PDB file of N, CA and C in Angstrom:
ATOM      1  N   UNK A   1     -16.949  12.056 -25.423  1.00  0.00           N
ATOM      2  CA  UNK A   1     -16.611  11.899 -24.038  1.00  0.00           C
ATOM      3  C   UNK A   1     -16.684  10.464 -23.601  1.00  0.00           C
ATOM      4  N   UNK A   2     -16.919  10.250 -22.308  1.00  0.00           N
ATOM      5  CA  UNK A   2     -17.022   8.902 -21.760  1.00  0.00           C
ATOM      6  C   UNK A   2     -15.720   8.435 -21.143  1.00  0.00           C
ATOM      7  N   UNK A   3     -15.795   7.250 -20.599  1.00  0.00           N
ATOM      8  CA  UNK A   3     -14.614   6.676 -19.952  1.00  0.00           C
ATOM      9  C   UNK A   3     -13.651   6.118 -20.983  1.00  0.00           C
ATOM     10  N   UNK A   4     -12.398   6.130 -20.656  1.00  0.00           N
ATOM     11  CA  UNK A   4     -11.377   5.573 -21.543  1.00  0.00           C
ATOM     12  C   UNK A   4     -11.477   4.050 -21.534  1.00  0.00           C
ATOM     13  N   UNK A   5     -11.149   3.432 -22.632  1.00  0.00           N
ATOM     14  CA  UNK A   5     -11.150   1.974 -22.721  1.00  0.00           C
ATOM     15  C   UNK A   5     -10.092   1.404 -21.776  1.00  0.00           C
ATOM     16  N   UNK A   6     -10.321   0.185 -21.255  1.00  0.00           N
ATOM     17  CA  UNK A   6      -9.365  -0.398 -20.293  1.00  0.00           C
ATOM     18  C   UNK A   6      -7.941  -0.490 -20.823  1.00  0.00           C
ATOM     19  N   UNK A   7      -7.766  -0.603 -22.136  1.00  0.00           N
ATOM     20  CA  UNK A   7      -6.424  -0.755 -22.707  1.00  0.00           C
ATOM     21  C   UNK A   7      -5.816   0.575 -23.124  1.00  0.00           C
ATOM     22  N   UNK A   8      -6.523   1.679 -22.865  1.00  0.00           N
ATOM     23  CA  UNK A   8      -6.034   2.978 -23.327  1.00  0.00           C
ATOM     24  C   UNK A   8      -4.817   3.436 -22.523  1.00  0.00           C
ATOM     25  N   UNK A   9      -4.039   4.324 -23.115  1.00  0.00           N
ATOM     26  CA  UNK A   9      -2.856   4.845 -22.433  1.00  0.00           C
ATOM     27  C   UNK A   9      -3.242   5.659 -21.210  1.00  0.00           C
ATOM     28  N   UNK A  10      -4.455   6.217 -21.199  1.00  0.00           N
ATOM     29  CA  UNK A  10      -4.903   6.995 -20.039  1.00  0.00           C
ATOM     30  C   UNK A  10      -4.910   6.107 -18.804  1.00  0.00           C
ATOM     31  N   UNK A  11      -5.524   4.933 -18.900  1.00  0.00           N
ATOM     32  CA  UNK A  11      -5.589   4.023 -17.760  1.00  0.00           C
ATOM     33  C   UNK A  11      -4.234   3.404 -17.454  1.00  0.00           C
ATOM     34  N   UNK A  12      -3.477   3.060 -18.470  1.00  0.00           N
ATOM     35  CA  UNK A  12      -2.186   2.414 -18.244  1.00  0.00           C
ATOM     36  C   UNK A  12      -1.212   3.339 -17.524  1.00  0.00           C
ATOM     37  N   UNK A  13      -1.270   4.607 -17.792  1.00  0.00           N
ATOM     38  CA  UNK A  13      -0.315   5.544 -17.197  1.00  0.00           C
ATOM     39  C   UNK A  13      -0.679   5.899 -15.762  1.00  0.00           C
ATOM     40  N   UNK A  14      -1.960   5.794 -15.411  1.00  0.00           N
ATOM     41  CA  UNK A  14      -2.362   6.192 -14.067  1.00  0.00           C
ATOM     42  C   UNK A  14      -2.434   4.983 -13.152  1.00  0.00           C
ATOM     43  N   UNK A  15      -3.469   4.170 -13.286  1.00  0.00           N
ATOM     44  CA  UNK A  15      -3.669   3.044 -12.386  1.00  0.00           C
ATOM     45  C   UNK A  15      -2.535   2.032 -12.500  1.00  0.00           C
ATOM     46  N   UNK A  16      -2.171   1.658 -13.705  1.00  0.00           N
ATOM     47  CA  UNK A  16      -1.113   0.669 -13.890  1.00  0.00           C
ATOM     48  C   UNK A  16       0.209   1.140 -13.316  1.00  0.00           C
ATOM     49  N   UNK A  17       0.547   2.398 -13.531  1.00  0.00           N
ATOM     50  CA  UNK A  17       1.799   2.934 -13.014  1.00  0.00           C
ATOM     51  C   UNK A  17       1.828   2.965 -11.505  1.00  0.00           C
ATOM     52  N   UNK A  18       0.697   3.325 -10.898  1.00  0.00           N
ATOM     53  CA  UNK A  18       0.604   3.368  -9.440  1.00  0.00           C
ATOM     54  C   UNK A  18       0.768   1.973  -8.857  1.00  0.00           C
ATOM     55  N   UNK A  19       0.060   1.005  -9.411  1.00  0.00           N
ATOM     56  CA  UNK A  19       0.149  -0.373  -8.919  1.00  0.00           C
ATOM     57  C   UNK A  19       1.570  -0.907  -9.074  1.00  0.00           C
ATOM     58  N   UNK A  20       2.167  -0.656 -10.218  1.00  0.00           N
ATOM     59  CA  UNK A  20       3.521  -1.149 -10.483  1.00  0.00           C
ATOM     60  C   UNK A  20       4.514  -0.532  -9.496  1.00  0.00           C
ATOM     61  N   UNK A  21       4.383   0.779  -9.255  1.00  0.00           N
ATOM     62  CA  UNK A  21       5.289   1.464  -8.329  1.00  0.00           C
ATOM     63  C   UNK A  21       5.115   0.920  -6.909  1.00  0.00           C
ATOM     64  N   UNK A  22       3.853   0.724  -6.487  1.00  0.00           N
ATOM     65  CA  UNK A  22       3.605   0.182  -5.148  1.00  0.00           C
ATOM     66  C   UNK A  22       4.193  -1.223  -5.013  1.00  0.00           C
ATOM     67  N   UNK A  23       4.006  -2.055  -6.030  1.00  0.00           N
ATOM     68  CA  UNK A  23       4.554  -3.414  -5.979  1.00  0.00           C
ATOM     69  C   UNK A  23       6.070  -3.387  -5.836  1.00  0.00           C
ATOM     70  N   UNK A  24       6.726  -2.521  -6.600  1.00  0.00           N
ATOM     71  CA  UNK A  24       8.189  -2.421  -6.517  1.00  0.00           C
ATOM     72  C   UNK A  24       8.632  -1.946  -5.137  1.00  0.00           C
ATOM     73  N   UNK A  25       7.930  -0.947  -4.588  1.00  0.00           N
ATOM     74  CA  UNK A  25       8.295  -0.437  -3.259  1.00  0.00           C
ATOM     75  C   UNK A  25       8.081  -1.502  -2.195  1.00  0.00           C
ATOM     76  N   UNK A  26       6.971  -2.246  -2.292  1.00  0.00           N
ATOM     77  CA  UNK A  26       6.708  -3.304  -1.320  1.00  0.00           C
ATOM     78  C   UNK A  26       7.791  -4.378  -1.385  1.00  0.00           C
ATOM     79  N   UNK A  27       8.151  -4.784  -2.587  1.00  0.00           N
ATOM     80  CA  UNK A  27       9.187  -5.816  -2.748  1.00  0.00           C
ATOM     81  C   UNK A  27      10.517  -5.345  -2.175  1.00  0.00           C
ATOM     82  N   UNK A  28      10.821  -4.060  -2.332  1.00  0.00           N
ATOM     83  CA  UNK A  28      12.095  -3.544  -1.815  1.00  0.00           C
ATOM     84  C   UNK A  28      12.131  -3.565  -0.291  1.00  0.00           C
ATOM     85  N   UNK A  29      10.944  -3.670   0.340  1.00  0.00           N
ATOM     86  CA  UNK A  29      10.868  -3.715   1.809  1.00  0.00           C
ATOM     87  C   UNK A  29      10.617  -5.130   2.322  1.00  0.00           C
ATOM     88  N   UNK A  30      10.691  -6.118   1.426  1.00  0.00           N
ATOM     89  CA  UNK A  30      10.564  -7.505   1.854  1.00  0.00           C
ATOM     90  C   UNK A  30       9.173  -8.099   1.736  1.00  0.00           C
ATOM     91  N   UNK A  31       8.219  -7.373   1.177  1.00  0.00           N
ATOM     92  CA  UNK A  31       6.875  -7.905   0.968  1.00  0.00           C
ATOM     93  C   UNK A  31       6.816  -8.624  -0.376  1.00  0.00           C
ATOM     94  N   UNK A  32       5.723  -9.357  -0.606  1.00  0.00           N
ATOM     95  CA  UNK A  32       5.526 -10.040  -1.892  1.00  0.00           C
ATOM     96  C   UNK A  32       5.221  -9.048  -3.005  1.00  0.00           C
ATOM     97  N   UNK A  33       4.564  -7.945  -2.661  1.00  0.00           N
ATOM     98  CA  UNK A  33       4.126  -7.014  -3.693  1.00  0.00           C
ATOM     99  C   UNK A  33       2.930  -7.559  -4.452  1.00  0.00           C
ATOM    100  N   UNK A  34       2.108  -8.349  -3.763  1.00  0.00           N
ATOM    101  CA  UNK A  34       0.964  -9.004  -4.398  1.00  0.00           C
ATOM    102  C   UNK A  34      -0.164  -8.005  -4.654  1.00  0.00           C
ATOM    103  N   UNK A  35      -1.088  -8.405  -5.535  1.00  0.00           N
ATOM    104  CA  UNK A  35      -2.263  -7.573  -5.800  1.00  0.00           C
ATOM    105  C   UNK A  35      -3.052  -7.348  -4.516  1.00  0.00           C
ATOM    106  N   UNK A  36      -3.124  -8.378  -3.658  1.00  0.00           N
ATOM    107  CA  UNK A  36      -3.861  -8.260  -2.403  1.00  0.00           C
ATOM    108  C   UNK A  36      -3.245  -7.180  -1.507  1.00  0.00           C
ATOM    109  N   UNK A  37      -1.922  -7.174  -1.392  1.00  0.00           N
ATOM    110  CA  UNK A  37      -1.252  -6.154  -0.571  1.00  0.00           C
ATOM    111  C   UNK A  37      -1.487  -4.761  -1.142  1.00  0.00           C
ATOM    112  N   UNK A  38      -1.392  -4.632  -2.463  1.00  0.00           N
ATOM    113  CA  UNK A  38      -1.622  -3.335  -3.104  1.00  0.00           C
ATOM    114  C   UNK A  38      -3.063  -2.886  -2.872  1.00  0.00           C
ATOM    115  N   UNK A  39      -4.022  -3.817  -2.990  1.00  0.00           N
ATOM    116  CA  UNK A  39      -5.431  -3.473  -2.779  1.00  0.00           C
ATOM    117  C   UNK A  39      -5.675  -2.995  -1.353  1.00  0.00           C
ATOM    118  N   UNK A  40      -5.055  -3.648  -0.378  1.00  0.00           N
ATOM    119  CA  UNK A  40      -5.194  -3.237   1.030  1.00  0.00           C
ATOM    120  C   UNK A  40      -4.727  -1.796   1.197  1.00  0.00           C
ATOM    121  N   UNK A  41      -3.570  -1.479   0.632  1.00  0.00           N
ATOM    122  CA  UNK A  41      -3.027  -0.119   0.752  1.00  0.00           C
ATOM    123  C   UNK A  41      -3.911   0.893   0.039  1.00  0.00           C
ATOM    124  N   UNK A  42      -4.400   0.544  -1.146  1.00  0.00           N
ATOM    125  CA  UNK A  42      -5.198   1.489  -1.925  1.00  0.00           C
ATOM    126  C   UNK A  42      -6.566   1.738  -1.291  1.00  0.00           C
ATOM    127  N   UNK A  43      -7.053   0.779  -0.485  1.00  0.00           N
ATOM    128  CA  UNK A  43      -8.322   0.967   0.234  1.00  0.00           C
ATOM    129  C   UNK A  43      -8.132   1.799   1.499  1.00  0.00           C
ATOM    130  N   UNK A  44      -6.883   2.121   1.823  1.00  0.00           N
ATOM    131  CA  UNK A  44      -6.632   2.918   3.018  1.00  0.00           C
ATOM    132  C   UNK A  44      -6.154   2.103   4.198  1.00  0.00           C
ATOM    133  N   UNK A  45      -5.942   0.810   3.999  1.00  0.00           N
ATOM    134  CA  UNK A  45      -5.456  -0.043   5.070  1.00  0.00           C
ATOM    135  C   UNK A  45      -3.947   0.048   5.206  1.00  0.00           C
ATOM    136  N   UNK A  46      -3.418  -0.709   6.146  1.00  0.00           N
ATOM    137  CA  UNK A  46      -1.981  -0.719   6.372  1.00  0.00           C
ATOM    138  C   UNK A  46      -1.453  -2.134   6.451  1.00  0.00           C
ATOM    139  N   UNK A  47      -0.166  -2.284   6.217  1.00  0.00           N
ATOM    140  CA  UNK A  47       0.513  -3.571   6.324  1.00  0.00           C
ATOM    141  C   UNK A  47       1.524  -3.491   7.458  1.00  0.00           C
ATOM    142  N   UNK A  48       1.505  -4.488   8.348  1.00  0.00           N
ATOM    143  CA  UNK A  48       2.452  -4.500   9.468  1.00  0.00           C
ATOM    144  C   UNK A  48       3.874  -4.591   8.931  1.00  0.00           C
ATOM    145  N   UNK A  49       4.745  -3.719   9.464  1.00  0.00           N
ATOM    146  CA  UNK A  49       6.133  -3.645   9.001  1.00  0.00           C
ATOM    147  C   UNK A  49       7.009  -3.457  10.219  1.00  0.00           C
ATOM    148  N   UNK A  50       7.477  -4.571  10.791  1.00  0.00           N
ATOM    149  CA  UNK A  50       8.284  -4.486  12.004  1.00  0.00           C
ATOM    150  C   UNK A  50       7.466  -3.903  13.143  1.00  0.00           C
ATOM    151  N   UNK A  51       7.956  -2.831  13.746  1.00  0.00           N
ATOM    152  CA  UNK A  51       7.251  -2.174  14.846  1.00  0.00           C
ATOM    153  C   UNK A  51       6.310  -1.084  14.353  1.00  0.00           C
ATOM    154  N   UNK A  52       6.144  -0.950  13.042  1.00  0.00           N
ATOM    155  CA  UNK A  52       5.290   0.097  12.486  1.00  0.00           C
ATOM    156  C   UNK A  52       4.400  -0.515  11.411  1.00  0.00           C
ATOM    157  N   UNK A  53       3.781   0.333  10.618  1.00  0.00           N
ATOM    158  CA  UNK A  53       2.913  -0.121   9.531  1.00  0.00           C
ATOM    159  C   UNK A  53       3.208   0.703   8.288  1.00  0.00           C
ATOM    160  N   UNK A  54       3.019   0.083   7.129  1.00  0.00           N
ATOM    161  CA  UNK A  54       3.130   0.805   5.865  1.00  0.00           C
ATOM    162  C   UNK A  54       1.735   1.211   5.430  1.00  0.00           C
ATOM    163  N   UNK A  55       1.578   2.475   5.063  1.00  0.00           N
ATOM    164  CA  UNK A  55       0.307   2.985   4.568  1.00  0.00           C
ATOM    165  C   UNK A  55       0.562   3.736   3.270  1.00  0.00           C
ATOM    166  N   UNK A  56      -0.487   3.882   2.469  1.00  0.00           N
ATOM    167  CA  UNK A  56      -0.382   4.605   1.204  1.00  0.00           C
ATOM    168  C   UNK A  56      -1.211   5.871   1.339  1.00  0.00           C
ATOM    169  N   UNK A  57      -0.547   7.022   1.392  1.00  0.00           N
ATOM    170  CA  UNK A  57      -1.229   8.304   1.560  1.00  0.00           C
ATOM    171  C   UNK A  57      -0.625   9.323   0.608  1.00  0.00           C
ATOM    172  N   UNK A  58      -1.472  10.156   0.031  1.00  0.00           N
ATOM    173  CA  UNK A  58      -1.023  11.238  -0.856  1.00  0.00           C
ATOM    174  C   UNK A  58      -0.102  10.732  -1.960  1.00  0.00           C
ATOM    175  N   UNK A  59      -0.413   9.542  -2.491  1.00  0.00           N
ATOM    176  CA  UNK A  59       0.363   9.011  -3.597  1.00  0.00           C
ATOM    177  C   UNK A  59       1.720   8.457  -3.221  1.00  0.00           C
ATOM    178  N   UNK A  60       1.959   8.265  -1.915  1.00  0.00           N
ATOM    179  CA  UNK A  60       3.266   7.770  -1.466  1.00  0.00           C
ATOM    180  C   UNK A  60       3.098   6.657  -0.438  1.00  0.00           C
ATOM    181  N   UNK A  61       4.015   5.707  -0.470  1.00  0.00           N
ATOM    182  CA  UNK A  61       4.069   4.675   0.554  1.00  0.00           C
ATOM    183  C   UNK A  61       4.789   5.270   1.761  1.00  0.00           C
ATOM    184  N   UNK A  62       4.145   5.229   2.920  1.00  0.00           N
ATOM    185  CA  UNK A  62       4.712   5.858   4.111  1.00  0.00           C
ATOM    186  C   UNK A  62       4.746   4.863   5.257  1.00  0.00           C
ATOM    187  N   UNK A  63       5.697   5.064   6.152  1.00  0.00           N
ATOM    188  CA  UNK A  63       5.799   4.239   7.347  1.00  0.00           C
ATOM    189  C   UNK A  63       5.166   5.003   8.495  1.00  0.00           C
ATOM    190  N   UNK A  64       4.241   4.344   9.191  1.00  0.00           N
ATOM    191  CA  UNK A  64       3.546   4.982  10.308  1.00  0.00           C
ATOM    192  C   UNK A  64       3.917   4.248  11.590  1.00  0.00           C
ATOM    193  N   UNK A  65       4.426   4.996  12.561  1.00  0.00           N
ATOM    194  CA  UNK A  65       4.773   4.404  13.849  1.00  0.00           C
ATOM    195  C   UNK A  65       3.494   4.099  14.618  1.00  0.00           C
ATOM    196  N   UNK A  66       3.505   2.990  15.350  1.00  0.00           N
ATOM    197  CA  UNK A  66       2.346   2.635  16.166  1.00  0.00           C
ATOM    198  C   UNK A  66       2.159   3.654  17.279  1.00  0.00           C
ATOM    199  N   UNK A  67       0.904   3.946  17.545  1.00  0.00           N
ATOM    200  CA  UNK A  67       0.577   4.817  18.673  1.00  0.00           C
ATOM    201  C   UNK A  67       0.750   3.997  19.955  1.00  0.00           C
ATOM    202  N   UNK A  68       1.310   4.577  21.007  1.00  0.00           N
ATOM    203  CA  UNK A  68       1.498   3.817  22.252  1.00  0.00           C
ATOM    204  C   UNK A  68       0.203   3.193  22.767  1.00  0.00           C
ATOM    205  N   UNK A  69      -0.931   3.864  22.602  1.00  0.00           N
ATOM    206  CA  UNK A  69      -2.202   3.340  23.097  1.00  0.00           C
ATOM    207  C   UNK A  69      -2.674   2.134  22.282  1.00  0.00           C
ATOM    208  N   UNK A  70      -2.185   1.965  21.067  1.00  0.00           N
ATOM    209  CA  UNK A  70      -2.624   0.860  20.221  1.00  0.00           C
ATOM    210  C   UNK A  70      -1.755  -0.384  20.396  1.00  0.00           C
ATOM    211  N   UNK A  71      -0.664  -0.259  21.107  1.00  0.00           N
ATOM    212  CA  UNK A  71       0.231  -1.395  21.286  1.00  0.00           C
ATOM    213  C   UNK A  71      -0.299  -2.316  22.379  1.00  0.00           C
ATOM    214  N   UNK A  72      -0.103  -3.599  22.196  1.00  0.00           N
ATOM    215  CA  UNK A  72      -0.525  -4.567  23.199  1.00  0.00           C
ATOM    216  C   UNK A  72       0.560  -4.721  24.251  1.00  0.00           C
ATOM    217  N   UNK A  73       0.131  -4.812  25.490  1.00  0.00           N
ATOM    218  CA  UNK A  73       1.055  -5.119  26.564  1.00  0.00           C
ATOM    219  C   UNK A  73       1.490  -6.573  26.384  1.00  0.00           C
ATOM    220  N   UNK A  74       2.806  -6.877  26.496  1.00  0.00           N
ATOM    221  CA  UNK A  74       3.275  -8.250  26.227  1.00  0.00           C
ATOM    222  C   UNK A  74       2.536  -9.322  27.018  1.00  0.00           C
ATOM    223  N   UNK A  75       2.049  -8.997  28.196  1.00  0.00           N
ATOM    224  CA  UNK A  75       1.332  -9.977  29.004  1.00  0.00           C
ATOM    225  C   UNK A  75      -0.018 -10.372  28.424  1.00  0.00           C
ATOM    226  N   UNK A  76      -0.532  -9.602  27.468  1.00  0.00           N
ATOM    227  CA  UNK A  76      -1.837  -9.911  26.876  1.00  0.00           C
ATOM    228  C   UNK A  76      -1.735 -10.921  25.751  1.00  0.00           C
ATOM    229  N   UNK A  77      -0.526 -11.188  25.277  1.00  0.00           N
ATOM    230  CA  UNK A  77      -0.381 -12.068  24.113  1.00  0.00           C
ATOM    231  C   UNK A  77      -0.510 -13.533  24.474  1.00  0.00           C
TER     232      UNK A  77
END
């Protein structure tokens, strides 16, 4: 038993594939697809995307519309 070695196909197919897919999806939406952006999404954070945010939930990159209560009134900027 035990954990798989870092170079094993078990790790490459799961974590590596997820990171690679997220990077490709981010790049297709105009982001850098950097490790930092991927880490933010994998921790449950979001990236600002126009009037909404990109989040990673249930294994998918999703666009979340801002809640009206979370938006700043233009006069506050």
